[in-house]
Amino acid sequence: QVQLVESGGGLVQPGGSLRLSCAASGSSFSINAMAWYRQAPGKERELVAHFTSGGNTNYADSVKGRFTISRDNAKNTVYLQMNSLIPEDTAVYYCNAGYYSGGYYPRYWGQGTQVTVSS
């Protein structure tokens, strides 16, 4: 089993920045990658950014150039640096531990952290 705890959400003005953190514990043989998802009110959950099994990164077109996923293996923590935030980025952000093989397959979810972009 894998446990994930997100932190770092909050209210930010358009153009501002936030950094989300996801602390992971436990282990599973079905896990070889990590990701961030988000879900806005009335919309489906979408994949925002993820690592591949080889350590490369992929991003949704809507966040390319603004968001950066990174990790600190010593701390078992994954981050999502979000810059140039816009109101459309408002959502609950979820950390996920999953499996990558030609695509990302989610397995374990965190509880989510709210990000609100508003003036």
N, C-alpha and C. Protein backbone atom coordinates (compact mmCIF):
# COMPACT_ATOMS: atom_id res chain seq x y z
N GLN A 1 0.83 -1.19 0.00
CA GLN A 1 0.00 0.00 0.00
C GLN A 1 0.86 1.25 0.00
N VAL A 2 0.36 2.28 -0.64
CA VAL A 2 1.04 3.57 -0.70
C VAL A 2 0.12 4.63 -0.13
N GLN A 3 0.66 5.47 0.75
CA GLN A 3 -0.10 6.59 1.30
C GLN A 3 0.49 7.89 0.79
N LEU A 4 -0.38 8.80 0.40
CA LEU A 4 0.03 10.08 -0.18
C LEU A 4 -0.65 11.22 0.57
N VAL A 5 0.14 12.23 0.94
CA VAL A 5 -0.41 13.39 1.65
C VAL A 5 0.03 14.66 0.93
N GLU A 6 -0.95 15.39 0.39
CA GLU A 6 -0.65 16.64 -0.32
C GLU A 6 -0.69 17.83 0.64
N SER A 7 0.03 18.87 0.28
CA SER A 7 -0.02 20.14 1.01
C SER A 7 0.39 21.26 0.06
N GLY A 8 0.13 22.51 0.48
CA GLY A 8 0.60 23.65 -0.29
C GLY A 8 -0.46 24.39 -1.06
N GLY A 9 -1.70 23.90 -1.06
CA GLY A 9 -2.75 24.61 -1.76
C GLY A 9 -3.14 25.89 -1.06
N GLY A 10 -3.99 26.67 -1.71
CA GLY A 10 -4.45 27.92 -1.10
C GLY A 10 -5.03 28.86 -2.13
N LEU A 11 -5.21 30.10 -1.71
CA LEU A 11 -5.75 31.16 -2.57
C LEU A 11 -4.60 32.00 -3.09
N VAL A 12 -4.58 32.23 -4.40
CA VAL A 12 -3.52 33.03 -5.00
C VAL A 12 -4.13 33.91 -6.09
N GLN A 13 -3.55 35.07 -6.29
CA GLN A 13 -4.03 35.97 -7.33
C GLN A 13 -3.55 35.52 -8.70
N PRO A 14 -4.29 35.87 -9.75
CA PRO A 14 -3.81 35.56 -11.11
C PRO A 14 -2.40 36.08 -11.33
N GLY A 15 -1.59 35.25 -11.98
CA GLY A 15 -0.19 35.60 -12.20
C GLY A 15 0.74 35.14 -11.09
N GLY A 16 0.17 34.67 -10.00
CA GLY A 16 0.96 34.24 -8.87
C GLY A 16 1.46 32.81 -9.00
N SER A 17 2.12 32.34 -7.93
CA SER A 17 2.72 31.01 -7.94
C SER A 17 2.37 30.26 -6.66
N LEU A 18 2.35 28.95 -6.77
CA LEU A 18 2.20 28.06 -5.63
C LEU A 18 3.05 26.82 -5.88
N ARG A 19 3.50 26.20 -4.79
CA ARG A 19 4.17 24.92 -4.91
C ARG A 19 3.43 23.89 -4.06
N LEU A 20 2.97 22.85 -4.71
CA LEU A 20 2.32 21.74 -4.02
C LEU A 20 3.35 20.67 -3.69
N SER A 21 3.14 20.02 -2.56
CA SER A 21 4.01 18.93 -2.14
C SER A 21 3.18 17.67 -1.92
N CYS A 22 3.79 16.52 -2.16
CA CYS A 22 3.14 15.24 -1.94
C CYS A 22 4.14 14.31 -1.26
N ALA A 23 3.88 14.01 0.00
CA ALA A 23 4.74 13.11 0.75
C ALA A 23 4.21 11.69 0.62
N ALA A 24 5.07 10.78 0.20
CA ALA A 24 4.67 9.39 -0.03
C ALA A 24 5.28 8.47 1.02
N SER A 25 4.53 7.45 1.41
CA SER A 25 5.03 6.43 2.32
C SER A 25 4.45 5.09 1.88
N GLY A 26 5.10 4.01 2.34
CA GLY A 26 4.68 2.68 1.93
C GLY A 26 5.32 2.29 0.62
N SER A 27 4.96 1.15 0.10
CA SER A 27 5.54 0.68 -1.16
C SER A 27 4.58 -0.28 -1.83
N SER A 28 4.78 -0.43 -3.14
CA SER A 28 3.96 -1.34 -3.91
C SER A 28 4.71 -1.73 -5.16
N PHE A 29 4.65 -3.00 -5.53
CA PHE A 29 5.32 -3.45 -6.74
C PHE A 29 4.63 -2.93 -7.99
N SER A 30 3.40 -2.42 -7.85
CA SER A 30 2.67 -1.93 -9.01
C SER A 30 2.94 -0.46 -9.31
N ILE A 31 3.88 0.16 -8.59
CA ILE A 31 4.16 1.58 -8.75
C ILE A 31 5.53 1.79 -9.37
N ASN A 32 5.59 2.62 -10.45
CA ASN A 32 6.90 3.00 -10.98
C ASN A 32 6.92 4.45 -11.45
N ALA A 33 5.87 5.22 -11.13
CA ALA A 33 5.81 6.62 -11.55
C ALA A 33 4.84 7.39 -10.64
N MET A 34 4.93 8.72 -10.72
CA MET A 34 4.08 9.59 -9.92
C MET A 34 3.48 10.67 -10.81
N ALA A 35 2.35 11.22 -10.36
CA ALA A 35 1.66 12.22 -11.18
C ALA A 35 0.87 13.18 -10.31
N TRP A 36 0.48 14.29 -10.94
CA TRP A 36 -0.49 15.21 -10.37
C TRP A 36 -1.70 15.27 -11.30
N TYR A 37 -2.88 15.21 -10.70
CA TYR A 37 -4.15 15.40 -11.40
C TYR A 37 -4.85 16.61 -10.80
N ARG A 38 -5.87 17.07 -11.48
CA ARG A 38 -6.73 18.11 -10.90
C ARG A 38 -8.17 17.90 -11.36
N GLN A 39 -9.08 18.40 -10.53
CA GLN A 39 -10.49 18.32 -10.87
C GLN A 39 -11.17 19.62 -10.50
N ALA A 40 -11.66 20.30 -11.52
CA ALA A 40 -12.40 21.55 -11.32
C ALA A 40 -13.88 21.22 -11.13
N PRO A 41 -14.64 22.12 -10.49
CA PRO A 41 -16.06 21.88 -10.28
C PRO A 41 -16.79 21.59 -11.59
N GLY A 42 -17.55 20.51 -11.61
CA GLY A 42 -18.34 20.17 -12.78
C GLY A 42 -17.55 19.57 -13.92
N LYS A 43 -16.26 19.30 -13.71
CA LYS A 43 -15.43 18.75 -14.78
C LYS A 43 -14.82 17.42 -14.34
N GLU A 44 -14.36 16.66 -15.33
CA GLU A 44 -13.70 15.39 -15.03
C GLU A 44 -12.28 15.64 -14.51
N ARG A 45 -11.80 14.67 -13.75
CA ARG A 45 -10.42 14.76 -13.28
C ARG A 45 -9.48 14.62 -14.47
N GLU A 46 -8.46 15.49 -14.53
CA GLU A 46 -7.53 15.46 -15.66
C GLU A 46 -6.09 15.31 -15.17
N LEU A 47 -5.29 14.66 -16.00
CA LEU A 47 -3.88 14.47 -15.72
C LEU A 47 -3.14 15.76 -16.05
N VAL A 48 -2.43 16.31 -15.07
CA VAL A 48 -1.74 17.58 -15.25
C VAL A 48 -0.27 17.36 -15.62
N ALA A 49 0.40 16.50 -14.89
CA ALA A 49 1.82 16.26 -15.12
C ALA A 49 2.19 14.90 -14.52
N HIS A 50 3.16 14.25 -15.12
CA HIS A 50 3.60 12.96 -14.56
C HIS A 50 5.02 12.65 -14.96
N PHE A 51 5.63 11.78 -14.18
CA PHE A 51 6.90 11.18 -14.52
C PHE A 51 6.62 9.90 -15.31
N THR A 52 7.55 9.58 -16.21
CA THR A 52 7.51 8.28 -16.82
C THR A 52 8.37 7.33 -15.97
N SER A 53 8.34 6.05 -16.31
CA SER A 53 9.13 5.08 -15.57
C SER A 53 10.62 5.37 -15.71
N GLY A 54 11.03 6.06 -16.77
CA GLY A 54 12.43 6.39 -16.98
C GLY A 54 12.85 7.72 -16.39
N GLY A 55 11.90 8.41 -15.74
CA GLY A 55 12.23 9.67 -15.09
C GLY A 55 11.97 10.91 -15.93
N ASN A 56 11.51 10.73 -17.17
CA ASN A 56 11.14 11.90 -17.97
C ASN A 56 9.81 12.46 -17.46
N THR A 57 9.45 13.63 -17.98
CA THR A 57 8.21 14.28 -17.53
C THR A 57 7.31 14.60 -18.71
N ASN A 58 6.01 14.55 -18.48
CA ASN A 58 5.01 14.92 -19.47
C ASN A 58 4.01 15.87 -18.82
N TYR A 59 3.48 16.79 -19.63
CA TYR A 59 2.55 17.80 -19.12
C TYR A 59 1.33 17.92 -20.02
N ALA A 60 0.21 18.27 -19.41
CA ALA A 60 -0.96 18.64 -20.20
C ALA A 60 -0.65 19.92 -20.97
N ASP A 61 -1.22 20.05 -22.15
CA ASP A 61 -0.95 21.23 -22.97
C ASP A 61 -1.32 22.51 -22.22
N SER A 62 -2.35 22.45 -21.41
CA SER A 62 -2.85 23.65 -20.73
C SER A 62 -1.88 24.19 -19.68
N VAL A 63 -0.89 23.39 -19.26
CA VAL A 63 0.03 23.85 -18.22
C VAL A 63 1.49 23.88 -18.68
N LYS A 64 1.76 23.45 -19.90
CA LYS A 64 3.14 23.44 -20.39
C LYS A 64 3.75 24.84 -20.33
N GLY A 65 4.98 24.88 -19.83
CA GLY A 65 5.68 26.16 -19.72
C GLY A 65 5.35 26.92 -18.45
N ARG A 66 4.32 26.47 -17.71
CA ARG A 66 3.93 27.16 -16.47
C ARG A 66 4.12 26.28 -15.24
N PHE A 67 3.90 24.98 -15.38
CA PHE A 67 4.00 24.05 -14.26
C PHE A 67 5.23 23.17 -14.43
N THR A 68 5.82 22.79 -13.30
CA THR A 68 6.96 21.89 -13.31
C THR A 68 6.79 20.84 -12.23
N ILE A 69 6.88 19.56 -12.62
CA ILE A 69 6.85 18.48 -11.66
C ILE A 69 8.28 18.09 -11.33
N SER A 70 8.54 17.85 -10.06
CA SER A 70 9.89 17.46 -9.65
C SER A 70 9.77 16.52 -8.44
N ARG A 71 10.90 15.97 -8.03
CA ARG A 71 10.85 15.04 -6.90
C ARG A 71 12.14 15.09 -6.12
N ASP A 72 12.04 14.73 -4.85
CA ASP A 72 13.19 14.59 -3.97
C ASP A 72 13.12 13.16 -3.44
N ASN A 73 13.92 12.28 -4.01
CA ASN A 73 13.85 10.86 -3.64
C ASN A 73 14.24 10.63 -2.18
N ALA A 74 15.15 11.45 -1.67
CA ALA A 74 15.59 11.29 -0.28
C ALA A 74 14.45 11.57 0.70
N LYS A 75 13.53 12.43 0.29
CA LYS A 75 12.40 12.80 1.14
C LYS A 75 11.11 12.08 0.74
N ASN A 76 11.18 11.25 -0.30
CA ASN A 76 9.97 10.58 -0.82
C ASN A 76 8.86 11.58 -1.09
N THR A 77 9.23 12.68 -1.72
CA THR A 77 8.29 13.78 -1.95
C THR A 77 8.31 14.21 -3.41
N VAL A 78 7.12 14.45 -3.94
CA VAL A 78 6.95 14.96 -5.30
C VAL A 78 6.36 16.36 -5.19
N TYR A 79 6.79 17.24 -6.07
CA TYR A 79 6.34 18.63 -6.05
C TYR A 79 5.67 19.01 -7.37
N LEU A 80 4.83 20.02 -7.29
CA LEU A 80 4.29 20.64 -8.49
C LEU A 80 4.43 22.15 -8.32
N GLN A 81 5.39 22.73 -9.03
CA GLN A 81 5.58 24.17 -9.03
C GLN A 81 4.66 24.77 -10.08
N MET A 82 3.80 25.68 -9.64
CA MET A 82 2.82 26.28 -10.54
C MET A 82 3.07 27.78 -10.62
N ASN A 83 3.41 28.26 -11.80
CA ASN A 83 3.68 29.67 -12.03
C ASN A 83 2.66 30.25 -13.00
N SER A 84 2.59 31.57 -13.04
CA SER A 84 1.68 32.27 -13.97
C SER A 84 0.27 31.69 -13.89
N LEU A 85 -0.21 31.52 -12.68
CA LEU A 85 -1.52 30.90 -12.49
C LEU A 85 -2.65 31.76 -13.06
N ILE A 86 -3.64 31.08 -13.59
CA ILE A 86 -4.82 31.73 -14.16
C ILE A 86 -6.06 31.16 -13.49
N PRO A 87 -7.19 31.87 -13.55
CA PRO A 87 -8.40 31.36 -12.87
C PRO A 87 -8.80 29.95 -13.30
N GLU A 88 -8.50 29.58 -14.54
CA GLU A 88 -8.83 28.25 -15.03
C GLU A 88 -8.02 27.14 -14.36
N ASP A 89 -7.01 27.50 -13.60
CA ASP A 89 -6.23 26.51 -12.85
C ASP A 89 -6.91 26.16 -11.52
N THR A 90 -7.97 26.86 -11.18
CA THR A 90 -8.69 26.58 -9.94
C THR A 90 -9.26 25.17 -9.96
N ALA A 91 -8.90 24.39 -8.95
CA ALA A 91 -9.31 22.98 -8.89
C ALA A 91 -8.81 22.37 -7.60
N VAL A 92 -9.27 21.15 -7.33
CA VAL A 92 -8.65 20.32 -6.31
C VAL A 92 -7.55 19.54 -7.00
N TYR A 93 -6.35 19.62 -6.46
CA TYR A 93 -5.19 18.93 -7.04
C TYR A 93 -4.90 17.67 -6.24
N TYR A 94 -4.72 16.56 -6.97
CA TYR A 94 -4.50 15.27 -6.35
C TYR A 94 -3.14 14.70 -6.75
N CYS A 95 -2.43 14.21 -5.79
CA CYS A 95 -1.21 13.46 -6.06
C CYS A 95 -1.59 12.01 -6.35
N ASN A 96 -0.83 11.36 -7.22
CA ASN A 96 -1.13 9.97 -7.56
C ASN A 96 0.17 9.18 -7.72
N ALA A 97 0.14 7.97 -7.20
CA ALA A 97 1.22 7.01 -7.43
C ALA A 97 0.67 5.95 -8.37
N GLY A 98 1.36 5.73 -9.48
CA GLY A 98 0.81 4.83 -10.47
C GLY A 98 1.86 4.08 -11.25
N TYR A 99 1.44 3.62 -12.42
CA TYR A 99 2.29 2.80 -13.27
C TYR A 99 2.37 3.41 -14.65
N TYR A 100 3.59 3.51 -15.17
CA TYR A 100 3.77 4.04 -16.53
C TYR A 100 4.29 2.94 -17.44
N SER A 101 3.55 2.74 -18.55
CA SER A 101 3.99 1.82 -19.60
C SER A 101 3.34 2.27 -20.88
N GLY A 102 3.98 3.24 -21.53
CA GLY A 102 3.41 3.81 -22.75
C GLY A 102 2.30 4.80 -22.47
N GLY A 103 1.88 4.90 -21.28
CA GLY A 103 0.85 5.81 -20.80
C GLY A 103 0.84 5.72 -19.29
N TYR A 104 0.16 6.67 -18.65
CA TYR A 104 0.16 6.67 -17.18
C TYR A 104 -1.13 6.05 -16.67
N TYR A 105 -0.99 5.11 -15.70
CA TYR A 105 -2.13 4.42 -15.13
C TYR A 105 -2.16 4.68 -13.63
N PRO A 106 -3.18 5.41 -13.16
CA PRO A 106 -3.24 5.77 -11.74
C PRO A 106 -3.54 4.57 -10.85
N ARG A 107 -2.96 4.57 -9.64
CA ARG A 107 -3.20 3.50 -8.68
C ARG A 107 -3.66 4.05 -7.33
N TYR A 108 -2.84 4.84 -6.67
CA TYR A 108 -3.13 5.33 -5.33
C TYR A 108 -3.29 6.85 -5.36
N TRP A 109 -4.31 7.33 -4.59
CA TRP A 109 -4.64 8.75 -4.57
C TRP A 109 -4.39 9.37 -3.20
N GLY A 110 -3.99 10.64 -3.22
CA GLY A 110 -3.99 11.44 -2.00
C GLY A 110 -5.38 12.02 -1.78
N GLN A 111 -5.51 12.80 -0.71
CA GLN A 111 -6.83 13.34 -0.35
C GLN A 111 -7.18 14.61 -1.12
N GLY A 112 -6.18 15.22 -1.76
CA GLY A 112 -6.42 16.42 -2.54
C GLY A 112 -6.16 17.70 -1.76
N THR A 113 -5.78 18.74 -2.49
CA THR A 113 -5.57 20.06 -1.90
C THR A 113 -6.17 21.10 -2.84
N GLN A 114 -6.90 22.05 -2.26
CA GLN A 114 -7.62 23.05 -3.06
C GLN A 114 -6.68 24.16 -3.49
N VAL A 115 -6.74 24.49 -4.77
CA VAL A 115 -6.05 25.65 -5.31
C VAL A 115 -7.10 26.57 -5.93
N THR A 116 -7.13 27.82 -5.47
CA THR A 116 -8.07 28.79 -5.97
C THR A 116 -7.30 29.99 -6.49
N VAL A 117 -7.53 30.32 -7.76
CA VAL A 117 -6.86 31.46 -8.39
C VAL A 117 -7.92 32.53 -8.63
N SER A 118 -7.82 33.61 -7.88
CA SER A 118 -8.85 34.64 -7.94
C SER A 118 -8.29 35.95 -7.41
N SER A 119 -8.79 37.04 -7.97
CA SER A 119 -8.41 38.35 -7.47
C SER A 119 -9.42 38.84 -6.43
